Amino acid sequence: MQMLCTRDDLRRHPTFGVTVDGEQYLVLEYDNQIKAYRNRCPHLHIPLEWEEHAFLDKDSHLIRCSTHGALFMPDNGECVSGPCAGDKLQAVATRESNNTIYLL
């Protein structure tokens, strides 16, 4: 297991970006559940954030691709607006132990 972040990280940043073994990930808490996705837009295969740890739209409800404005549901990664509508972010399995979130 590889560490992604801690609960404290998620308290400081509603969405948290991290690189593990060369792969970029996005971690957030949604409806009291940890969600993690590869930080890669399904349309252009590039990172989503516009600045470090900034993945949400202006209303802080949806994950937003900074390049073309696609919007994704935080609970399942589905694109609901933009050129990749109907596609999904690639979810990754996690495990939480002692307030630390790990990549499985």
C-alpha atoms as a PDB file:
ATOM      1  CA  MET A   1       0.000   0.000   0.000  1.00  0.00           C
ATOM      2  CA  GLN A   2       1.140   3.509  -0.828  1.00  0.00           C
ATOM      3  CA  MET A   3       0.128   6.539   1.233  1.00  0.00           C
ATOM      4  CA  LEU A   4      -2.001   9.105  -0.606  1.00  0.00           C
ATOM      5  CA  CYS A   5      -2.771  11.618   2.147  1.00  0.00           C
ATOM      6  CA  THR A   6      -4.073  12.052   5.674  1.00  0.00           C
ATOM      7  CA  ARG A   7      -7.419  13.262   6.994  1.00  0.00           C
ATOM      8  CA  ASP A   8      -5.601  16.445   8.061  1.00  0.00           C
ATOM      9  CA  ASP A   9      -4.607  17.023   4.429  1.00  0.00           C
ATOM     10  CA  LEU A  10      -8.278  16.787   3.444  1.00  0.00           C
ATOM     11  CA  ARG A  11      -9.267  19.214   6.206  1.00  0.00           C
ATOM     12  CA  ARG A  12      -6.812  21.777   4.793  1.00  0.00           C
ATOM     13  CA  HIS A  13      -7.754  21.117   1.150  1.00  0.00           C
ATOM     14  CA  PRO A  14     -11.241  19.911   0.139  1.00  0.00           C
ATOM     15  CA  THR A  15      -9.545  18.107  -2.742  1.00  0.00           C
ATOM     16  CA  PHE A  16      -6.001  16.845  -2.512  1.00  0.00           C
ATOM     17  CA  GLY A  17      -3.635  16.112  -5.371  1.00  0.00           C
ATOM     18  CA  VAL A  18      -0.709  13.767  -4.907  1.00  0.00           C
ATOM     19  CA  THR A  19       1.825  11.924  -7.045  1.00  0.00           C
ATOM     20  CA  VAL A  20       2.727   8.329  -6.167  1.00  0.00           C
ATOM     21  CA  ASP A  21       5.257   6.378  -8.223  1.00  0.00           C
ATOM     22  CA  GLY A  22       4.880   8.838 -11.097  1.00  0.00           C
ATOM     23  CA  GLU A  23       1.060   8.630 -11.206  1.00  0.00           C
ATOM     24  CA  GLN A  24      -1.067  11.618 -10.214  1.00  0.00           C
ATOM     25  CA  TYR A  25      -4.164  11.168  -8.034  1.00  0.00           C
ATOM     26  CA  LEU A  26      -7.032  13.283  -6.745  1.00  0.00           C
ATOM     27  CA  VAL A  27      -8.455  12.482  -3.290  1.00  0.00           C
ATOM     28  CA  LEU A  28     -11.577  13.975  -1.712  1.00  0.00           C
ATOM     29  CA  GLU A  29     -14.236  13.224   0.841  1.00  0.00           C
ATOM     30  CA  TYR A  30     -17.787  13.081  -0.462  1.00  0.00           C
ATOM     31  CA  ASP A  31     -20.810  12.081   1.656  1.00  0.00           C
ATOM     32  CA  ASN A  32     -18.447  10.925   4.427  1.00  0.00           C
ATOM     33  CA  GLN A  33     -16.631   8.570   2.032  1.00  0.00           C
ATOM     34  CA  ILE A  34     -13.134   8.865   0.642  1.00  0.00           C
ATOM     35  CA  LYS A  35     -13.071   8.995  -3.150  1.00  0.00           C
ATOM     36  CA  ALA A  36      -9.894   8.786  -5.219  1.00  0.00           C
ATOM     37  CA  TYR A  37      -9.365   9.093  -8.946  1.00  0.00           C
ATOM     38  CA  ARG A  38      -6.433   9.220 -11.324  1.00  0.00           C
ATOM     39  CA  ASN A  39      -5.770  12.884 -11.960  1.00  0.00           C
ATOM     40  CA  ARG A  40      -6.311  12.569 -15.686  1.00  0.00           C
ATOM     41  CA  CYS A  41      -9.081  14.029 -17.820  1.00  0.00           C
ATOM     42  CA  PRO A  42     -10.652  11.296 -19.999  1.00  0.00           C
ATOM     43  CA  HIS A  43     -10.833  13.764 -22.908  1.00  0.00           C
ATOM     44  CA  LEU A  44      -7.226  14.990 -23.198  1.00  0.00           C
ATOM     45  CA  HIS A  45      -5.503  12.705 -20.665  1.00  0.00           C
ATOM     46  CA  ILE A  46      -3.981  15.652 -18.819  1.00  0.00           C
ATOM     47  CA  PRO A  47      -4.117  16.697 -15.130  1.00  0.00           C
ATOM     48  CA  LEU A  48      -7.365  18.319 -14.021  1.00  0.00           C
ATOM     49  CA  GLU A  49      -6.390  21.023 -11.529  1.00  0.00           C
ATOM     50  CA  TRP A  50      -5.741  24.678 -12.304  1.00  0.00           C
ATOM     51  CA  GLU A  51      -3.429  25.097  -9.303  1.00  0.00           C
ATOM     52  CA  GLU A  52      -2.197  22.790  -6.566  1.00  0.00           C
ATOM     53  CA  HIS A  53      -5.093  20.953  -4.858  1.00  0.00           C
ATOM     54  CA  ALA A  54      -7.708  23.039  -6.763  1.00  0.00           C
ATOM     55  CA  PHE A  55     -10.021  20.566  -8.483  1.00  0.00           C
ATOM     56  CA  LEU A  56     -13.525  21.895  -7.759  1.00  0.00           C
ATOM     57  CA  ASP A  57     -15.754  24.233  -9.754  1.00  0.00           C
ATOM     58  CA  LYS A  58     -16.535  27.735  -8.464  1.00  0.00           C
ATOM     59  CA  ASP A  59     -19.459  26.406  -6.388  1.00  0.00           C
ATOM     60  CA  SER A  60     -17.282  23.613  -4.912  1.00  0.00           C
ATOM     61  CA  HIS A  61     -19.805  20.954  -5.951  1.00  0.00           C
ATOM     62  CA  LEU A  62     -18.211  19.288  -8.981  1.00  0.00           C
ATOM     63  CA  ILE A  63     -14.721  18.292 -10.052  1.00  0.00           C
ATOM     64  CA  ARG A  64     -13.647  20.540 -12.931  1.00  0.00           C
ATOM     65  CA  CYS A  65     -11.073  20.090 -15.667  1.00  0.00           C
ATOM     66  CA  SER A  66      -9.175  23.368 -15.850  1.00  0.00           C
ATOM     67  CA  THR A  67      -8.312  22.945 -19.538  1.00  0.00           C
ATOM     68  CA  HIS A  68     -11.762  22.711 -21.137  1.00  0.00           C
ATOM     69  CA  GLY A  69     -14.205  23.060 -18.239  1.00  0.00           C
ATOM     70  CA  ALA A  70     -15.600  19.518 -18.177  1.00  0.00           C
ATOM     71  CA  LEU A  71     -17.473  18.794 -14.936  1.00  0.00           C
ATOM     72  CA  PHE A  72     -17.427  15.485 -13.068  1.00  0.00           C
ATOM     73  CA  MET A  73     -19.581  14.106 -10.259  1.00  0.00           C
ATOM     74  CA  PRO A  74     -17.458  13.667  -7.120  1.00  0.00           C
ATOM     75  CA  ASP A  75     -19.259  10.479  -6.048  1.00  0.00           C
ATOM     76  CA  ASN A  76     -18.602   8.402  -9.178  1.00  0.00           C
ATOM     77  CA  GLY A  77     -16.365  10.496 -11.476  1.00  0.00           C
ATOM     78  CA  GLU A  78     -18.946  10.703 -14.271  1.00  0.00           C
ATOM     79  CA  CYS A  79     -18.550  13.614 -16.656  1.00  0.00           C
ATOM     80  CA  VAL A  80     -21.844  15.523 -16.719  1.00  0.00           C
ATOM     81  CA  SER A  81     -20.750  18.467 -18.878  1.00  0.00           C
ATOM     82  CA  GLY A  82     -18.108  19.093 -21.505  1.00  0.00           C
ATOM     83  CA  PRO A  83     -16.480  17.251 -24.392  1.00  0.00           C
ATOM     84  CA  CYS A  84     -16.162  13.996 -22.446  1.00  0.00           C
ATOM     85  CA  ALA A  85     -19.807  13.865 -21.250  1.00  0.00           C
ATOM     86  CA  GLY A  86     -20.693  10.298 -20.322  1.00  0.00           C
ATOM     87  CA  ASP A  87     -17.064   9.274 -19.708  1.00  0.00           C
ATOM     88  CA  LYS A  88     -15.707   8.814 -16.192  1.00  0.00           C
ATOM     89  CA  LEU A  89     -12.613   9.597 -14.234  1.00  0.00           C
ATOM     90  CA  GLN A  90     -10.739   6.415 -13.406  1.00  0.00           C
ATOM     91  CA  ALA A  91     -11.509   5.509  -9.791  1.00  0.00           C
ATOM     92  CA  VAL A  92      -8.828   3.887  -7.664  1.00  0.00           C
ATOM     93  CA  ALA A  93      -9.296   1.721  -4.594  1.00  0.00           C
ATOM     94  CA  THR A  94      -8.253   3.115  -1.229  1.00  0.00           C
ATOM     95  CA  ARG A  95      -8.108   2.038   2.360  1.00  0.00           C
ATOM     96  CA  GLU A  96      -8.084   4.215   5.454  1.00  0.00           C
ATOM     97  CA  SER A  97      -6.118   3.310   8.561  1.00  0.00           C
ATOM     98  CA  ASN A  98      -5.199   5.569  11.485  1.00  0.00           C
ATOM     99  CA  ASN A  99      -6.438   8.690   9.672  1.00  0.00           C
ATOM    100  CA  THR A 100      -4.222   7.937   6.665  1.00  0.00           C
ATOM    101  CA  ILE A 101      -5.582   7.105   3.208  1.00  0.00           C
ATOM    102  CA  TYR A 102      -3.689   4.485   1.241  1.00  0.00           C
ATOM    103  CA  LEU A 103      -3.775   3.455  -2.380  1.00  0.00           C
ATOM    104  CA  LEU A 104      -4.506  -0.260  -2.771  1.00  0.00           C
END
